[in-house]
C-alpha cells in the first residue's frame, strides 16, 4: 500500500529517481541525498509504514527482513563498522513520515548522537 503524498512511496513506485544499492519485493535501499557520513544509505519497506511507532504484528516481519538486508549490503560493501538509526517523529528528526533506517559508516560515530 502506498500513500500518494509520501516521498518514499514515490521513490518505491519509480516516480522519483534514486541511487539504489539494493531492491527486492519487500524493501529497497538507496543513498541519502544529504549524506551525514562517507557511506550513508537508507533502507525502507516498500509498503507504507509511517514510523517505528506503527510497527505491529501485521508488519514487523519486514523490519526483520530489513535488518537482514542491512547486514547483506554492508557486507557486500566491505563495511564492518556502521550505525543504524531510525528517527520516530518530527521532534526526533524524522523528516519523511515513512519508516526508514539510516545506515552510516566511514567515520567515527560519537556518543551520544545529537
PDB file of N, CA and C in Angstrom:
ATOM      1  N   UNK A   1       0.846  -1.179   0.000  1.00  0.00           N
ATOM      2  CA  UNK A   1       0.000   0.000   0.000  1.00  0.00           C
ATOM      3  C   UNK A   1       0.889   1.239   0.000  1.00  0.00           C
ATOM      4  N   UNK A   2       0.530   2.187  -0.829  1.00  0.00           N
ATOM      5  CA  UNK A   2       1.273   3.432  -0.978  1.00  0.00           C
ATOM      6  C   UNK A   2       0.432   4.600  -0.502  1.00  0.00           C
ATOM      7  N   UNK A   3       1.123   5.672  -0.117  1.00  0.00           N
ATOM      8  CA  UNK A   3       0.460   6.944   0.144  1.00  0.00           C
ATOM      9  C   UNK A   3       0.866   7.888  -0.979  1.00  0.00           C
ATOM     10  N   UNK A   4      -0.104   8.506  -1.614  1.00  0.00           N
ATOM     11  CA  UNK A   4       0.165   9.361  -2.766  1.00  0.00           C
ATOM     12  C   UNK A   4       1.062  10.548  -2.449  1.00  0.00           C
ATOM     13  N   UNK A   5       1.003  11.050  -1.219  1.00  0.00           N
ATOM     14  CA  UNK A   5       1.774  12.242  -0.876  1.00  0.00           C
ATOM     15  C   UNK A   5       3.096  11.928  -0.180  1.00  0.00           C
ATOM     16  N   UNK A   6       3.529  10.666  -0.198  1.00  0.00           N
ATOM     17  CA  UNK A   6       4.735  10.247   0.509  1.00  0.00           C
ATOM     18  C   UNK A   6       5.930  10.204  -0.443  1.00  0.00           C
ATOM     19  N   UNK A   7       6.981  10.926  -0.098  1.00  0.00           N
ATOM     20  CA  UNK A   7       8.199  10.973  -0.901  1.00  0.00           C
ATOM     21  C   UNK A   7       8.781   9.577  -1.132  1.00  0.00           C
ATOM     22  N   UNK A   8       8.882   8.773  -0.075  1.00  0.00           N
ATOM     23  CA  UNK A   8       9.479   7.451  -0.224  1.00  0.00           C
ATOM     24  C   UNK A   8       8.578   6.500  -1.007  1.00  0.00           C
ATOM     25  N   UNK A   9       7.275   6.628  -0.880  1.00  0.00           N
ATOM     26  CA  UNK A   9       6.376   5.821  -1.708  1.00  0.00           C
ATOM     27  C   UNK A   9       6.582   6.168  -3.182  1.00  0.00           C
ATOM     28  N   UNK A  10       6.815   7.431  -3.484  1.00  0.00           N
ATOM     29  CA  UNK A  10       7.069   7.850  -4.866  1.00  0.00           C
ATOM     30  C   UNK A  10       8.389   7.276  -5.372  1.00  0.00           C
ATOM     31  N   UNK A  11       9.400   7.170  -4.495  1.00  0.00           N
ATOM     32  CA  UNK A  11      10.668   6.543  -4.881  1.00  0.00           C
ATOM     33  C   UNK A  11      10.443   5.066  -5.160  1.00  0.00           C
ATOM     34  N   UNK A  12       9.698   4.387  -4.294  1.00  0.00           N
ATOM     35  CA  UNK A  12       9.418   2.961  -4.483  1.00  0.00           C
ATOM     36  C   UNK A  12       8.711   2.737  -5.822  1.00  0.00           C
ATOM     37  N   UNK A  13       7.743   3.588  -6.151  1.00  0.00           N
ATOM     38  CA  UNK A  13       6.984   3.434  -7.396  1.00  0.00           C
ATOM     39  C   UNK A  13       7.799   3.825  -8.631  1.00  0.00           C
ATOM     40  N   UNK A  14       8.934   4.500  -8.429  1.00  0.00           N
ATOM     41  CA  UNK A  14       9.753   4.937  -9.556  1.00  0.00           C
ATOM     42  C   UNK A  14       9.396   6.310 -10.070  1.00  0.00           C
ATOM     43  N   UNK A  15       8.492   7.000  -9.382  1.00  0.00           N
ATOM     44  CA  UNK A  15       8.107   8.354  -9.801  1.00  0.00           C
ATOM     45  C   UNK A  15       9.222   9.364  -9.538  1.00  0.00           C
ATOM     46  N   UNK A  16      10.056   9.090  -8.546  1.00  0.00           N
ATOM     47  CA  UNK A  16      11.203   9.940  -8.204  1.00  0.00           C
ATOM     48  C   UNK A  16      12.443   9.043  -8.285  1.00  0.00           C
ATOM     49  N   UNK A  17      13.476   9.485  -9.020  1.00  0.00           N
ATOM     50  CA  UNK A  17      14.670   8.648  -9.137  1.00  0.00           C
ATOM     51  C   UNK A  17      15.461   8.597  -7.835  1.00  0.00           C
ATOM     52  N   UNK A  18      16.194   7.502  -7.663  1.00  0.00           N
ATOM     53  CA  UNK A  18      17.091   7.359  -6.523  1.00  0.00           C
ATOM     54  C   UNK A  18      18.290   6.540  -6.970  1.00  0.00           C
ATOM     55  N   UNK A  19      19.343   6.635  -6.191  1.00  0.00           N
ATOM     56  CA  UNK A  19      20.553   5.862  -6.467  1.00  0.00           C
ATOM     57  C   UNK A  19      20.487   4.607  -5.608  1.00  0.00           C
ATOM     58  N   UNK A  20      19.849   3.568  -6.138  1.00  0.00           N
ATOM     59  CA  UNK A  20      19.580   2.356  -5.361  1.00  0.00           C
ATOM     60  C   UNK A  20      20.840   1.503  -5.199  1.00  0.00           C
ATOM     61  N   UNK A  21      20.952   0.932  -4.002  1.00  0.00           N
ATOM     62  CA  UNK A  21      22.022  -0.025  -3.734  1.00  0.00           C
ATOM     63  C   UNK A  21      21.463  -1.430  -3.578  1.00  0.00           C
ATOM     64  N   UNK A  22      20.150  -1.549  -3.397  1.00  0.00           N
ATOM     65  CA  UNK A  22      19.523  -2.858  -3.213  1.00  0.00           C
ATOM     66  C   UNK A  22      18.021  -2.703  -3.416  1.00  0.00           C
ATOM     67  N   UNK A  23      17.403  -3.777  -3.939  1.00  0.00           N
ATOM     68  CA  UNK A  23      15.944  -3.807  -4.028  1.00  0.00           C
ATOM     69  C   UNK A  23      15.479  -5.255  -4.115  1.00  0.00           C
ATOM     70  N   UNK A  24      14.388  -5.545  -3.416  1.00  0.00           N
ATOM     71  CA  UNK A  24      13.715  -6.830  -3.546  1.00  0.00           C
ATOM     72  C   UNK A  24      12.218  -6.573  -3.428  1.00  0.00           C
ATOM     73  N   UNK A  25      11.434  -7.628  -3.242  1.00  0.00           N
ATOM     74  CA  UNK A  25       9.976  -7.467  -3.231  1.00  0.00           C
ATOM     75  C   UNK A  25       9.455  -6.750  -1.979  1.00  0.00           C
ATOM     76  N   UNK A  26      10.246  -6.699  -0.908  1.00  0.00           N
ATOM     77  CA  UNK A  26       9.786  -6.106   0.354  1.00  0.00           C
ATOM     78  C   UNK A  26      10.369  -4.737   0.673  1.00  0.00           C
ATOM     79  N   UNK A  27      11.574  -4.460   0.186  1.00  0.00           N
ATOM     80  CA  UNK A  27      12.233  -3.213   0.581  1.00  0.00           C
ATOM     81  C   UNK A  27      13.182  -2.736  -0.503  1.00  0.00           C
ATOM     82  N   UNK A  28      13.670  -1.534  -0.319  1.00  0.00           N
ATOM     83  CA  UNK A  28      14.724  -1.035  -1.181  1.00  0.00           C
ATOM     84  C   UNK A  28      15.674  -0.169  -0.356  1.00  0.00           C
ATOM     85  N   UNK A  29      16.886  -0.069  -0.848  1.00  0.00           N
ATOM     86  CA  UNK A  29      17.927   0.725  -0.199  1.00  0.00           C
ATOM     87  C   UNK A  29      18.509   1.670  -1.233  1.00  0.00           C
ATOM     88  N   UNK A  30      18.738   2.894  -0.823  1.00  0.00           N
ATOM     89  CA  UNK A  30      19.288   3.893  -1.736  1.00  0.00           C
ATOM     90  C   UNK A  30      20.106   4.904  -0.951  1.00  0.00           C
ATOM     91  N   UNK A  31      21.050   5.544  -1.641  1.00  0.00           N
ATOM     92  CA  UNK A  31      21.912   6.519  -0.990  1.00  0.00           C
ATOM     93  C   UNK A  31      21.128   7.757  -0.580  1.00  0.00           C
ATOM     94  N   UNK A  32      21.463   8.291   0.591  1.00  0.00           N
ATOM     95  CA  UNK A  32      20.850   9.515   1.108  1.00  0.00           C
ATOM     96  C   UNK A  32      21.305  10.690   0.245  1.00  0.00           C
ATOM     97  N   UNK A  33      20.389  11.607  -0.057  1.00  0.00           N
ATOM     98  CA  UNK A  33      20.750  12.764  -0.897  1.00  0.00           C
ATOM     99  C   UNK A  33      21.540  13.821  -0.128  1.00  0.00           C
ATOM    100  N   UNK A  34      21.543  13.734   1.196  1.00  0.00           N
ATOM    101  CA  UNK A  34      22.329  14.657   2.032  1.00  0.00           C
ATOM    102  C   UNK A  34      23.118  13.815   3.034  1.00  0.00           C
ATOM    103  N   UNK A  35      24.166  13.119   2.562  1.00  0.00           N
ATOM    104  CA  UNK A  35      24.860  12.171   3.425  1.00  0.00           C
ATOM    105  C   UNK A  35      25.508  12.819   4.648  1.00  0.00           C
ATOM    106  N   UNK A  36      25.377  12.112   5.780  1.00  0.00           N
ATOM    107  CA  UNK A  36      25.977  12.557   7.044  1.00  0.00           C
ATOM    108  C   UNK A  36      27.228  11.748   7.369  1.00  0.00           C
ATOM    109  N   UNK A  37      27.646  10.899   6.450  1.00  0.00           N
ATOM    110  CA  UNK A  37      28.849  10.087   6.600  1.00  0.00           C
ATOM    111  C   UNK A  37      29.310   9.688   5.201  1.00  0.00           C
ATOM    112  N   UNK A  38      30.566   9.269   5.049  1.00  0.00           N
ATOM    113  CA  UNK A  38      31.036   8.858   3.724  1.00  0.00           C
ATOM    114  C   UNK A  38      30.177   7.759   3.088  1.00  0.00           C
ATOM    115  N   UNK A  39      29.687   6.831   3.882  1.00  0.00           N
ATOM    116  CA  UNK A  39      28.690   5.860   3.417  1.00  0.00           C
ATOM    117  C   UNK A  39      27.406   6.158   4.178  1.00  0.00           C
ATOM    118  N   UNK A  40      26.342   6.460   3.460  1.00  0.00           N
ATOM    119  CA  UNK A  40      25.062   6.786   4.087  1.00  0.00           C
ATOM    120  C   UNK A  40      23.951   6.394   3.119  1.00  0.00           C
ATOM    121  N   UNK A  41      23.290   5.315   3.452  1.00  0.00           N
ATOM    122  CA  UNK A  41      22.140   4.909   2.646  1.00  0.00           C
ATOM    123  C   UNK A  41      20.952   4.637   3.554  1.00  0.00           C
ATOM    124  N   UNK A  42      19.776   4.615   2.956  1.00  0.00           N
ATOM    125  CA  UNK A  42      18.525   4.363   3.665  1.00  0.00           C
ATOM    126  C   UNK A  42      17.968   3.025   3.205  1.00  0.00           C
ATOM    127  N   UNK A  43      17.322   2.328   4.120  1.00  0.00           N
ATOM    128  CA  UNK A  43      16.586   1.120   3.758  1.00  0.00           C
ATOM    129  C   UNK A  43      15.145   1.334   4.201  1.00  0.00           C
ATOM    130  N   UNK A  44      14.214   1.134   3.268  1.00  0.00           N
ATOM    131  CA  UNK A  44      12.803   1.399   3.540  1.00  0.00           C
ATOM    132  C   UNK A  44      11.950   0.206   3.117  1.00  0.00           C
ATOM    133  N   UNK A  45      10.838  -0.007   3.826  1.00  0.00           N
ATOM    134  CA  UNK A  45       9.888  -1.013   3.342  1.00  0.00           C
ATOM    135  C   UNK A  45       9.144  -0.440   2.135  1.00  0.00           C
ATOM    136  N   UNK A  46       8.787  -1.294   1.212  1.00  0.00           N
ATOM    137  CA  UNK A  46       8.029  -0.823   0.055  1.00  0.00           C
ATOM    138  C   UNK A  46       6.612  -0.436   0.454  1.00  0.00           C
ATOM    139  N   UNK A  47       5.999  -1.174   1.368  1.00  0.00           N
ATOM    140  CA  UNK A  47       4.686  -0.781   1.877  1.00  0.00           C
ATOM    141  C   UNK A  47       4.857   0.383   2.830  1.00  0.00           C
ATOM    142  N   UNK A  48       3.904   1.280   2.814  1.00  0.00           N
ATOM    143  CA  UNK A  48       3.990   2.460   3.669  1.00  0.00           C
ATOM    144  C   UNK A  48       3.725   2.095   5.133  1.00  0.00           C
ATOM    145  N   UNK A  49       4.713   2.374   5.965  1.00  0.00           N
ATOM    146  CA  UNK A  49       4.597   2.329   7.423  1.00  0.00           C
ATOM    147  C   UNK A  49       5.115   3.681   7.871  1.00  0.00           C
ATOM    148  N   UNK A  50       4.368   4.398   8.670  1.00  0.00           N
ATOM    149  CA  UNK A  50       4.719   5.770   9.000  1.00  0.00           C
ATOM    150  C   UNK A  50       6.008   5.941   9.788  1.00  0.00           C
ATOM    151  N   UNK A  51       6.257   5.070  10.748  1.00  0.00           N
ATOM    152  CA  UNK A  51       7.454   5.167  11.591  1.00  0.00           C
ATOM    153  C   UNK A  51       7.545   3.907  12.442  1.00  0.00           C
ATOM    154  N   UNK A  52       8.572   3.855  13.292  1.00  0.00           N
ATOM    155  CA  UNK A  52       8.699   2.728  14.231  1.00  0.00           C
ATOM    156  C   UNK A  52       7.467   2.620  15.122  1.00  0.00           C
ATOM    157  N   UNK A  53       6.811   3.741  15.362  1.00  0.00           N
ATOM    158  CA  UNK A  53       5.620   3.749  16.201  1.00  0.00           C
ATOM    159  C   UNK A  53       4.432   3.038  15.594  1.00  0.00           C
ATOM    160  N   UNK A  54       4.504   2.667  14.318  1.00  0.00           N
ATOM    161  CA  UNK A  54       3.416   1.962  13.646  1.00  0.00           C
ATOM    162  C   UNK A  54       3.728   0.494  13.381  1.00  0.00           C
ATOM    163  N   UNK A  55       4.853   0.008  13.909  1.00  0.00           N
ATOM    164  CA  UNK A  55       5.204  -1.396  13.730  1.00  0.00           C
ATOM    165  C   UNK A  55       4.343  -2.245  14.668  1.00  0.00           C
ATOM    166  N   UNK A  56       3.738  -3.285  14.114  1.00  0.00           N
ATOM    167  CA  UNK A  56       2.927  -4.198  14.915  1.00  0.00           C
ATOM    168  C   UNK A  56       3.038  -5.602  14.321  1.00  0.00           C
ATOM    169  N   UNK A  57       2.248  -6.519  14.823  1.00  0.00           N
ATOM    170  CA  UNK A  57       2.305  -7.901  14.372  1.00  0.00           C
ATOM    171  C   UNK A  57       2.003  -8.096  12.899  1.00  0.00           C
ATOM    172  N   UNK A  58       1.293  -7.148  12.301  1.00  0.00           N
ATOM    173  CA  UNK A  58       0.932  -7.294  10.889  1.00  0.00           C
ATOM    174  C   UNK A  58       2.054  -6.879   9.942  1.00  0.00           C
ATOM    175  N   UNK A  59       3.039  -6.138  10.439  1.00  0.00           N
ATOM    176  CA  UNK A  59       4.082  -5.627   9.545  1.00  0.00           C
ATOM    177  C   UNK A  59       5.510  -5.789  10.078  1.00  0.00           C
ATOM    178  N   UNK A  60       5.668  -6.417  11.232  1.00  0.00           N
ATOM    179  CA  UNK A  60       7.000  -6.480  11.844  1.00  0.00           C
ATOM    180  C   UNK A  60       7.972  -7.396  11.101  1.00  0.00           C
ATOM    181  N   UNK A  61       7.486  -8.350  10.325  1.00  0.00           N
ATOM    182  CA  UNK A  61       8.394  -9.242   9.592  1.00  0.00           C
ATOM    183  C   UNK A  61       9.256  -8.470   8.609  1.00  0.00           C
ATOM    184  N   UNK A  62       8.718  -7.402   8.043  1.00  0.00           N
ATOM    185  CA  UNK A  62       9.513  -6.622   7.092  1.00  0.00           C
ATOM    186  C   UNK A  62      10.689  -5.937   7.792  1.00  0.00           C
ATOM    187  N   UNK A  63      10.531  -5.600   9.059  1.00  0.00           N
ATOM    188  CA  UNK A  63      11.620  -4.964   9.805  1.00  0.00           C
ATOM    189  C   UNK A  63      12.761  -5.965   9.992  1.00  0.00           C
ATOM    190  N   UNK A  64      12.439  -7.195  10.338  1.00  0.00           N
ATOM    191  CA  UNK A  64      13.474  -8.226  10.447  1.00  0.00           C
ATOM    192  C   UNK A  64      14.175  -8.413   9.100  1.00  0.00           C
ATOM    193  N   UNK A  65      13.397  -8.422   8.041  1.00  0.00           N
ATOM    194  CA  UNK A  65      13.968  -8.562   6.700  1.00  0.00           C
ATOM    195  C   UNK A  65      14.898  -7.391   6.387  1.00  0.00           C
ATOM    196  N   UNK A  66      14.490  -6.181   6.759  1.00  0.00           N
ATOM    197  CA  UNK A  66      15.322  -5.006   6.506  1.00  0.00           C
ATOM    198  C   UNK A  66      16.670  -5.143   7.208  1.00  0.00           C
ATOM    199  N   UNK A  67      16.676  -5.643   8.430  1.00  0.00           N
ATOM    200  CA  UNK A  67      17.949  -5.815   9.129  1.00  0.00           C
ATOM    201  C   UNK A  67      18.808  -6.906   8.477  1.00  0.00           C
ATOM    202  N   UNK A  68      18.191  -7.924   7.901  1.00  0.00           N
ATOM    203  CA  UNK A  68      18.951  -8.901   7.124  1.00  0.00           C
ATOM    204  C   UNK A  68      19.562  -8.236   5.890  1.00  0.00           C
ATOM    205  N   UNK A  69      18.799  -7.357   5.250  1.00  0.00           N
ATOM    206  CA  UNK A  69      19.297  -6.623   4.081  1.00  0.00           C
ATOM    207  C   UNK A  69      20.448  -5.705   4.484  1.00  0.00           C
ATOM    208  N   UNK A  70      20.318  -5.022   5.607  1.00  0.00           N
ATOM    209  CA  UNK A  70      21.400  -4.148   6.075  1.00  0.00           C
ATOM    210  C   UNK A  70      22.678  -4.967   6.260  1.00  0.00           C
ATOM    211  N   UNK A  71      22.576  -6.147   6.875  1.00  0.00           N
ATOM    212  CA  UNK A  71      23.750  -6.998   7.073  1.00  0.00           C
ATOM    213  C   UNK A  71      24.353  -7.422   5.733  1.00  0.00           C
ATOM    214  N   UNK A  72      23.502  -7.780   4.770  1.00  0.00           N
ATOM    215  CA  UNK A  72      23.989  -8.206   3.462  1.00  0.00           C
ATOM    216  C   UNK A  72      24.665  -7.060   2.714  1.00  0.00           C
ATOM    217  N   UNK A  73      24.003  -5.911   2.656  1.00  0.00           N
ATOM    218  CA  UNK A  73      24.528  -4.788   1.878  1.00  0.00           C
ATOM    219  C   UNK A  73      25.837  -4.279   2.474  1.00  0.00           C
ATOM    220  N   UNK A  74      25.894  -4.135   3.785  1.00  0.00           N
ATOM    221  CA  UNK A  74      27.146  -3.655   4.387  1.00  0.00           C
ATOM    222  C   UNK A  74      28.268  -4.667   4.145  1.00  0.00           C
ATOM    223  N   UNK A  75      27.962  -5.946   4.251  1.00  0.00           N
ATOM    224  CA  UNK A  75      28.983  -6.972   3.984  1.00  0.00           C
ATOM    225  C   UNK A  75      29.453  -6.888   2.538  1.00  0.00           C
ATOM    226  N   UNK A  76      28.501  -6.757   1.615  1.00  0.00           N
ATOM    227  CA  UNK A  76      28.858  -6.647   0.196  1.00  0.00           C
ATOM    228  C   UNK A  76      29.714  -5.411  -0.081  1.00  0.00           C
ATOM    229  N   UNK A  77      29.501  -4.347   0.686  1.00  0.00           N
ATOM    230  CA  UNK A  77      30.276  -3.109   0.526  1.00  0.00           C
ATOM    231  C   UNK A  77      31.624  -3.178   1.243  1.00  0.00           C
ATOM    232  N   UNK A  78      31.822  -4.212   2.052  1.00  0.00           N
ATOM    233  CA  UNK A  78      33.046  -4.311   2.832  1.00  0.00           C
ATOM    234  C   UNK A  78      33.030  -3.440   4.067  1.00  0.00           C
ATOM    235  N   UNK A  79      31.839  -3.044   4.492  1.00  0.00           N
ATOM    236  CA  UNK A  79      31.677  -2.190   5.673  1.00  0.00           C
ATOM    237  C   UNK A  79      31.493  -3.087   6.897  1.00  0.00           C
ATOM    238  N   UNK A  80      32.350  -2.886   7.908  1.00  0.00           N
ATOM    239  CA  UNK A  80      32.240  -3.694   9.124  1.00  0.00           C
ATOM    240  C   UNK A  80      31.769  -2.889  10.326  1.00  0.00           C
ATOM    241  N   UNK A  81      32.027  -1.603  10.333  1.00  0.00           N
ATOM    242  CA  UNK A  81      31.625  -0.734  11.444  1.00  0.00           C
ATOM    243  C   UNK A  81      30.613   0.268  10.912  1.00  0.00           C
ATOM    244  N   UNK A  82      29.395   0.220  11.461  1.00  0.00           N
ATOM    245  CA  UNK A  82      28.352   1.112  10.957  1.00  0.00           C
ATOM    246  C   UNK A  82      27.327   1.365  12.044  1.00  0.00           C
ATOM    247  N   UNK A  83      26.521   2.386  11.827  1.00  0.00           N
ATOM    248  CA  UNK A  83      25.431   2.738  12.735  1.00  0.00           C
ATOM    249  C   UNK A  83      24.123   2.664  11.961  1.00  0.00           C
ATOM    250  N   UNK A  84      23.078   2.163  12.624  1.00  0.00           N
ATOM    251  CA  UNK A  84      21.730   2.123  12.054  1.00  0.00           C
ATOM    252  C   UNK A  84      20.856   3.011  12.925  1.00  0.00           C
ATOM    253  N   UNK A  85      20.141   3.943  12.287  1.00  0.00           N
ATOM    254  CA  UNK A  85      19.320   4.910  13.012  1.00  0.00           C
ATOM    255  C   UNK A  85      17.937   4.981  12.376  1.00  0.00           C
ATOM    256  N   UNK A  86      16.913   5.032  13.213  1.00  0.00           N
ATOM    257  CA  UNK A  86      15.570   5.323  12.738  1.00  0.00           C
ATOM    258  C   UNK A  86      14.959   6.368  13.655  1.00  0.00           C
ATOM    259  N   UNK A  87      14.674   7.517  13.102  1.00  0.00           N
ATOM    260  CA  UNK A  87      14.035   8.588  13.864  1.00  0.00           C
ATOM    261  C   UNK A  87      12.524   8.383  13.828  1.00  0.00           C
ATOM    262  N   UNK A  88      11.862   8.667  14.928  1.00  0.00           N
ATOM    263  CA  UNK A  88      10.424   8.456  15.026  1.00  0.00           C
ATOM    264  C   UNK A  88       9.763   9.751  15.472  1.00  0.00           C
ATOM    265  N   UNK A  89       9.182  10.462  14.527  1.00  0.00           N
ATOM    266  CA  UNK A  89       8.510  11.731  14.814  1.00  0.00           C
ATOM    267  C   UNK A  89       9.380  12.935  14.505  1.00  0.00           C
ATOM    268  N   UNK A  90       8.722  14.050  14.237  1.00  0.00           N
ATOM    269  CA  UNK A  90       9.434  15.276  13.855  1.00  0.00           C
ATOM    270  C   UNK A  90      10.438  15.744  14.892  1.00  0.00           C
ATOM    271  N   UNK A  91      10.075  15.710  16.162  1.00  0.00           N
ATOM    272  CA  UNK A  91      10.987  16.182  17.201  1.00  0.00           C
ATOM    273  C   UNK A  91      12.211  15.284  17.345  1.00  0.00           C
ATOM    274  N   UNK A  92      12.112  14.065  16.862  1.00  0.00           N
ATOM    275  CA  UNK A  92      13.257  13.148  16.882  1.00  0.00           C
ATOM    276  C   UNK A  92      14.078  13.235  15.598  1.00  0.00           C
ATOM    277  N   UNK A  93      13.652  14.072  14.663  1.00  0.00           N
ATOM    278  CA  UNK A  93      14.399  14.280  13.434  1.00  0.00           C
ATOM    279  C   UNK A  93      13.870  13.540  12.216  1.00  0.00           C
ATOM    280  N   UNK A  94      12.678  12.942  12.318  1.00  0.00           N
ATOM    281  CA  UNK A  94      12.114  12.245  11.162  1.00  0.00           C
ATOM    282  C   UNK A  94      11.540  13.270  10.197  1.00  0.00           C
ATOM    283  N   UNK A  95      12.177  13.413   9.029  1.00  0.00           N
ATOM    284  CA  UNK A  95      11.724  14.414   8.057  1.00  0.00           C
ATOM    285  C   UNK A  95      10.798  13.826   6.998  1.00  0.00           C
ATOM    286  N   UNK A  96      10.823  12.512   6.804  1.00  0.00           N
ATOM    287  CA  UNK A  96       9.914  11.847   5.872  1.00  0.00           C
ATOM    288  C   UNK A  96       9.107  10.829   6.675  1.00  0.00           C
ATOM    289  N   UNK A  97       7.786  10.993   6.734  1.00  0.00           N
ATOM    290  CA  UNK A  97       6.957  10.088   7.546  1.00  0.00           C
ATOM    291  C   UNK A  97       6.690   8.742   6.872  1.00  0.00           C
ATOM    292  N   UNK A  98       7.755   8.022   6.622  1.00  0.00           N
ATOM    293  CA  UNK A  98       7.738   6.661   6.082  1.00  0.00           C
ATOM    294  C   UNK A  98       8.891   5.965   6.783  1.00  0.00           C
ATOM    295  N   UNK A  99       8.633   4.825   7.398  1.00  0.00           N
ATOM    296  CA  UNK A  99       9.667   4.105   8.136  1.00  0.00           C
ATOM    297  C   UNK A  99      10.924   3.968   7.285  1.00  0.00           C
ATOM    298  N   UNK A 100      12.052   4.363   7.849  1.00  0.00           N
ATOM    299  CA  UNK A 100      13.320   4.203   7.146  1.00  0.00           C
ATOM    300  C   UNK A 100      14.453   4.093   8.145  1.00  0.00           C
ATOM    301  N   UNK A 101      15.466   3.371   7.729  1.00  0.00           N
ATOM    302  CA  UNK A 101      16.641   3.151   8.556  1.00  0.00           C
ATOM    303  C   UNK A 101      17.848   3.742   7.840  1.00  0.00           C
ATOM    304  N   UNK A 102      18.509   4.672   8.513  1.00  0.00           N
ATOM    305  CA  UNK A 102      19.754   5.241   8.006  1.00  0.00           C
ATOM    306  C   UNK A 102      20.876   4.274   8.354  1.00  0.00           C
ATOM    307  N   UNK A 103      21.731   3.982   7.405  1.00  0.00           N
ATOM    308  CA  UNK A 103      22.940   3.206   7.658  1.00  0.00           C
ATOM    309  C   UNK A 103      24.113   4.123   7.355  1.00  0.00           C
ATOM    310  N   UNK A 104      24.902   4.397   8.400  1.00  0.00           N
ATOM    311  CA  UNK A 104      26.014   5.343   8.296  1.00  0.00           C
ATOM    312  C   UNK A 104      27.326   4.644   8.620  1.00  0.00           C
ATOM    313  N   UNK A 105      28.356   4.941   7.834  1.00  0.00           N
ATOM    314  CA  UNK A 105      29.658   4.320   8.041  1.00  0.00           C
ATOM    315  C   UNK A 105      30.739   5.199   7.410  1.00  0.00           C
ATOM    316  N   UNK A 106      31.974   4.842   7.720  1.00  0.00           N
ATOM    317  CA  UNK A 106      33.102   5.527   7.079  1.00  0.00           C
ATOM    318  C   UNK A 106      33.690   6.665   7.889  1.00  0.00           C
ATOM    319  N   UNK A 107      33.200   6.858   9.105  1.00  0.00           N
ATOM    320  CA  UNK A 107      33.767   7.849  10.013  1.00  0.00           C
ATOM    321  C   UNK A 107      33.501   7.391  11.439  1.00  0.00           C
ATOM    322  N   UNK A 108      34.202   7.997  12.387  1.00  0.00           N
ATOM    323  CA  UNK A 108      33.937   7.691  13.783  1.00  0.00           C
ATOM    324  C   UNK A 108      32.551   8.194  14.161  1.00  0.00           C
ATOM    325  N   UNK A 109      31.815   7.394  14.859  1.00  0.00           N
ATOM    326  CA  UNK A 109      30.488   7.762  15.339  1.00  0.00           C
ATOM    327  C   UNK A 109      30.609   8.088  16.826  1.00  0.00           C
ATOM    328  N   UNK A 110      30.219   9.290  17.180  1.00  0.00           N
ATOM    329  CA  UNK A 110      30.319   9.704  18.584  1.00  0.00           C
ATOM    330  C   UNK A 110      29.067   9.321  19.338  1.00  0.00           C
ATOM    331  N   UNK A 111      29.159   9.346  20.650  1.00  0.00           N
ATOM    332  CA  UNK A 111      28.029   9.057  21.514  1.00  0.00           C
ATOM    333  C   UNK A 111      28.039  10.013  22.678  1.00  0.00           C
ATOM    334  N   UNK A 112      26.953  10.619  23.077  1.00  0.00           N
ATOM    335  CA  UNK A 112      25.635  10.453  22.470  1.00  0.00           C
ATOM    336  C   UNK A 112      25.514  11.227  21.164  1.00  0.00           C
ATOM    337  N   UNK A 113      24.687  10.737  20.254  1.00  0.00           N
ATOM    338  CA  UNK A 113      24.469  11.454  18.998  1.00  0.00           C
ATOM    339  C   UNK A 113      23.524  12.618  19.221  1.00  0.00           C
ATOM    340  N   UNK A 114      23.828  13.756  18.683  1.00  0.00           N
ATOM    341  CA  UNK A 114      22.969  14.939  18.710  1.00  0.00           C
ATOM    342  C   UNK A 114      22.318  15.290  19.950  1.00  0.00           C
TER     343      UNK A 114
END
